[in-house]
Amino acid sequence: MLKLEVTAETAARREPDMDPETRRQRIEAARRLTFPGVRIVRVDAERPLEEVIRSVKREIWSLL
């Protein structure tokens, strides 16, 4: 599982119309998500989009 992680500030910039409390709840829920027995790869989505895409592709290709 790939987990894209961002700060509340970045999420607010990317989705300015979202209710701040909803945004906070989503971020917290995503951080708490676990799936026993499943490898979770955390991706720092604060980085530039090209880097995030490259990281995600690298993880996917490593599994193929």
C-alpha atoms as a PDB file:
ATOM      1  CA  MET A   1       0.000   0.000   0.000  1.00  0.00           C
ATOM      2  CA  LEU A   2       1.251   3.455  -0.847  1.00  0.00           C
ATOM      3  CA  LYS A   3       0.391   6.150   1.636  1.00  0.00           C
ATOM      4  CA  LEU A   4       0.836   9.716   0.368  1.00  0.00           C
ATOM      5  CA  GLU A   5       1.483  11.998   3.317  1.00  0.00           C
ATOM      6  CA  VAL A   6       1.122  15.784   3.402  1.00  0.00           C
ATOM      7  CA  THR A   7       0.844  18.457   6.060  1.00  0.00           C
ATOM      8  CA  ALA A   8      -2.428  20.223   6.781  1.00  0.00           C
ATOM      9  CA  GLU A   9      -1.001  23.374   5.210  1.00  0.00           C
ATOM     10  CA  THR A  10      -0.251  21.609   1.926  1.00  0.00           C
ATOM     11  CA  ALA A  11      -3.644  19.926   1.911  1.00  0.00           C
ATOM     12  CA  ALA A  12      -5.274  23.346   2.444  1.00  0.00           C
ATOM     13  CA  ARG A  13      -3.405  24.786  -0.542  1.00  0.00           C
ATOM     14  CA  ARG A  14      -4.372  21.847  -2.732  1.00  0.00           C
ATOM     15  CA  GLU A  15      -8.018  21.735  -1.633  1.00  0.00           C
ATOM     16  CA  PRO A  16      -8.875  25.236  -0.420  1.00  0.00           C
ATOM     17  CA  ASP A  17     -12.643  24.647  -0.472  1.00  0.00           C
ATOM     18  CA  MET A  18     -12.512  21.707   1.934  1.00  0.00           C
ATOM     19  CA  ASP A  19     -13.702  22.307   5.467  1.00  0.00           C
ATOM     20  CA  PRO A  20     -10.603  22.593   7.727  1.00  0.00           C
ATOM     21  CA  GLU A  21     -11.997  20.145  10.278  1.00  0.00           C
ATOM     22  CA  THR A  22     -12.764  17.578   7.570  1.00  0.00           C
ATOM     23  CA  ARG A  23      -9.248  18.021   6.204  1.00  0.00           C
ATOM     24  CA  ARG A  24      -7.728  17.512   9.664  1.00  0.00           C
ATOM     25  CA  GLN A  25      -9.820  14.393  10.240  1.00  0.00           C
ATOM     26  CA  ARG A  26      -8.817  12.902   6.887  1.00  0.00           C
ATOM     27  CA  ILE A  27      -5.131  13.485   7.517  1.00  0.00           C
ATOM     28  CA  GLU A  28      -5.333  11.923  10.980  1.00  0.00           C
ATOM     29  CA  ALA A  29      -7.360   8.958   9.701  1.00  0.00           C
ATOM     30  CA  ALA A  30      -4.845   8.307   6.922  1.00  0.00           C
ATOM     31  CA  ARG A  31      -1.960   8.370   9.402  1.00  0.00           C
ATOM     32  CA  ARG A  32      -3.699   5.820  11.630  1.00  0.00           C
ATOM     33  CA  LEU A  33      -4.638   3.424   8.820  1.00  0.00           C
ATOM     34  CA  THR A  34      -3.028   0.039   9.180  1.00  0.00           C
ATOM     35  CA  PHE A  35      -3.505  -3.225   7.385  1.00  0.00           C
ATOM     36  CA  PRO A  36      -1.936  -6.145   9.254  1.00  0.00           C
ATOM     37  CA  GLY A  37       0.350  -8.129   7.027  1.00  0.00           C
ATOM     38  CA  VAL A  38       0.428  -5.462   4.329  1.00  0.00           C
ATOM     39  CA  ARG A  39       3.591  -3.553   3.527  1.00  0.00           C
ATOM     40  CA  ILE A  40       2.914   0.166   3.745  1.00  0.00           C
ATOM     41  CA  VAL A  41       5.208   2.549   1.918  1.00  0.00           C
ATOM     42  CA  ARG A  42       4.959   6.129   3.103  1.00  0.00           C
ATOM     43  CA  VAL A  43       5.547   8.690   0.389  1.00  0.00           C
ATOM     44  CA  ASP A  44       6.386  12.271   1.286  1.00  0.00           C
ATOM     45  CA  ALA A  45       3.944  14.079  -0.981  1.00  0.00           C
ATOM     46  CA  GLU A  46       5.313  17.432   0.157  1.00  0.00           C
ATOM     47  CA  ARG A  47       8.013  17.074  -2.466  1.00  0.00           C
ATOM     48  CA  PRO A  48       7.558  18.314  -6.032  1.00  0.00           C
ATOM     49  CA  LEU A  49       5.046  16.303  -8.043  1.00  0.00           C
ATOM     50  CA  GLU A  50       7.691  14.849 -10.367  1.00  0.00           C
ATOM     51  CA  GLU A  51       9.616  13.435  -7.393  1.00  0.00           C
ATOM     52  CA  VAL A  52       6.482  11.970  -5.840  1.00  0.00           C
ATOM     53  CA  ILE A  53       5.532  10.280  -9.104  1.00  0.00           C
ATOM     54  CA  ARG A  54       9.070   8.923  -9.494  1.00  0.00           C
ATOM     55  CA  SER A  55       8.992   7.504  -5.951  1.00  0.00           C
ATOM     56  CA  VAL A  56       5.616   5.873  -6.483  1.00  0.00           C
ATOM     57  CA  LYS A  57       6.695   4.344  -9.795  1.00  0.00           C
ATOM     58  CA  ARG A  58       9.913   3.040  -8.249  1.00  0.00           C
ATOM     59  CA  GLU A  59       7.937   1.288  -5.496  1.00  0.00           C
ATOM     60  CA  ILE A  60       5.489  -0.217  -7.962  1.00  0.00           C
ATOM     61  CA  TRP A  61       8.233  -1.466 -10.304  1.00  0.00           C
ATOM     62  CA  SER A  62      10.098  -3.026  -7.384  1.00  0.00           C
ATOM     63  CA  LEU A  63       7.111  -5.295  -6.833  1.00  0.00           C
ATOM     64  CA  LEU A  64       6.673  -6.415 -10.434  1.00  0.00           C
END
